[in-house]
Amino acid sequence: MPTFDEILENVGEFDRFQKQTFFVLCLLSAAFTPVYVGVVFLGFIPEHRCFSPGVAELSHSCGWSLEEELRYTVPEWGQRGASFASRCRRYDVDWNATGLSCTDPIAAFLGHGNSSTVPLTSCRDGWVYESLGTSLVTEFNLVCEDSWKLDLFQSSVNAGFFVGSVNIGYIADRFGRKFCLLATILANAICGILLFFVPTYLWILIFRFLQGLVSKGCWTAGYILVTEVVGPRYRRTVGILYQVAFSVGLLVFDAVAYGIPHWRWLHLTVTLPSFFLMLYYWCLPESPRWLISQGKNDKAMKIVSDIAKKNQKKMPSHLEDIKFEEEDGGKQTPSLVDLFRTPQMRKNTFILMYNWFTSAILYQGLIMHMGLAGGNMYLDFLYSALVEFPAAIIIIITIDRIGRRYPWAAANLVAGFACLVTALIPEDIHWLKVIAACIGRMGITMAFEMVCFVNTELYPTYIRNLGVMVCSALCDIGGVVAPFVVYRLVEVWQELPLIVFSVVGVIAGGLVLFLPETKGRVLPETVEDVENLHRQGAPKEKQIYLHVQTSEVAHD
């Protein structure tokens, strides 16, 4: 009784049909980039200072240069690094007063003290931004007392990821991968277009949340579909390369952001191509495995025939029907309690949850922190995106030679120590800070990609989907926390977020060493199999079987 994987061996495991499906789904993976890391460019924070009425006229009459104007009229200007006072406070004085000196205008307000005795006030008349373009920050003044609203902008999309991952996963399992893809692509594109037109910050938050609600589930549905139509020998590599397509999206997004420095037009530009993905209706198949699981054997067989035809392979003539069968005599009902019931399951669950959290908070946090580092934002983003490609190559080379555990632990440790080194390098050596940060980015990219597939290898079949769903939910929680860690802690010390990332990453690397090695092991069937993963031998892997019916031939 052949399995579906054995049928693919006959009709092609990764030939023309699968390559075409893989390519068009990679476009979906790349299109997810602006949603996931868009805050870097959409919420760029330029240098800013309070707008002070009368300063422009005084500067013009005195013939000041910009540097002189700032030194005379901005509190604490000229100190190393911009301070809260220079960005968020202004002198509470009347710059239109007569008799002000052009060489020391603040002296008229000092009395018998120094400049620190001059009263300060908030930026009641707005801010001046040193930027040629616009961002969410400059349009809605998300600085100083309102700077937390930028954190909320990024957290809202991650909150959408968290809520949507469960619901979209249910839609994919209930109505099919293809329907899920088309519905979420359309919803994401519509929300993106509406976000371009809405005038208020609140509505932007709402549509950003809705984008998160559908976009991650859409990306995941694409990941599932592309791995379900290829043979087992190519499944892991295709899954990794699907994530590499996301890295390609980073490069494209960086180039588009450089050419369009206005956040609304940038957002519209990266959203419009999503409508072309609706062509998936005509060029993507439904997952044959899903059709089999739903008892739609005729439709599954038609797709198998299409695969054989496209791959120019001969369809085995004796295959007339397929039916989904289970090797087990009965089914086990998944329960959340099962994830914590036994010692090994409990240990796996807590470590995986922490590593999902770590991967998200370091990956997103490093990207956001890079936008605040003070260098060329576009070049720094480009360098950090490029290191994701060797990260994928290293994974492909090592996981089947060395295993999962040691490369994964090393990736987390490298990310953690690289963050520490980056924090300790002086600002004067910016190029070295960029190199160290890129090494950290490469490490956490490896860790992120590895936790995606190792998670599935550490749970028994009946609870595998639930295990991945629960553990990966911590990824979205990490994404919610990341902007608050970055944007709040940099107000204390610019490098403090990196110190936090370092500690979190090193702990994650150490915890990975307590997980069992899954290299060369088939997927566990039962909780007992998980408990015995450290022993020699492995349980028989569960398969989707194709029940083959052959027609009887009448003999004269």
Foldseek 3Di string as FASTA:
>chain_A
DDFVLVLCVQQPQCFDLLVLLLVLLLVLLLLLQCLQQVCLQQVFDFQKAADDPLLVVLCVVLVDDPLLSLVQWAPPPPPPDDALRRHWKTFPDDNPDPPADSNHRCVVVAVPHDPVPGDIDTRPPAMDGPDPADHPCRLVVCDDPNVVLSLLLQLLLLVLLLQQQVVLVVCCLPVFLLVLLLVLLVQLLVLLVVLLPDDDSVSVSVSSNSNSNRSVSNSVSSLVQSLLRGRPVCNLVSSLVSNLSNLVSLLVLLVLCVVHSYNSVSSNVSSVCSVVSSCCVPSPATRLVSCQVVVVWVSSVVVSVVSSVSRVGDRPPLFDTFHWDWPDPDADADDPVVCCVDDLSNLLLVLLLLLLLLLQLLQNLLLNLLSVLPDDNSVLSVLLSVLQVVLSVVCVVCCQPPFQLQLLLVLLLLLLVLLVVLLPDDSVPVVVSSVSSSSNSSSSSNNNSSSQPVQQQQDADNCSVVSNSVSNSSNSVSSSCNSCLQPVVVSVPSSVSSNVSNVSSNVSSVSSNVHATCRPEARHHDPVQSVCSNDPDYDDHIGTRTDGDGDDDDDD
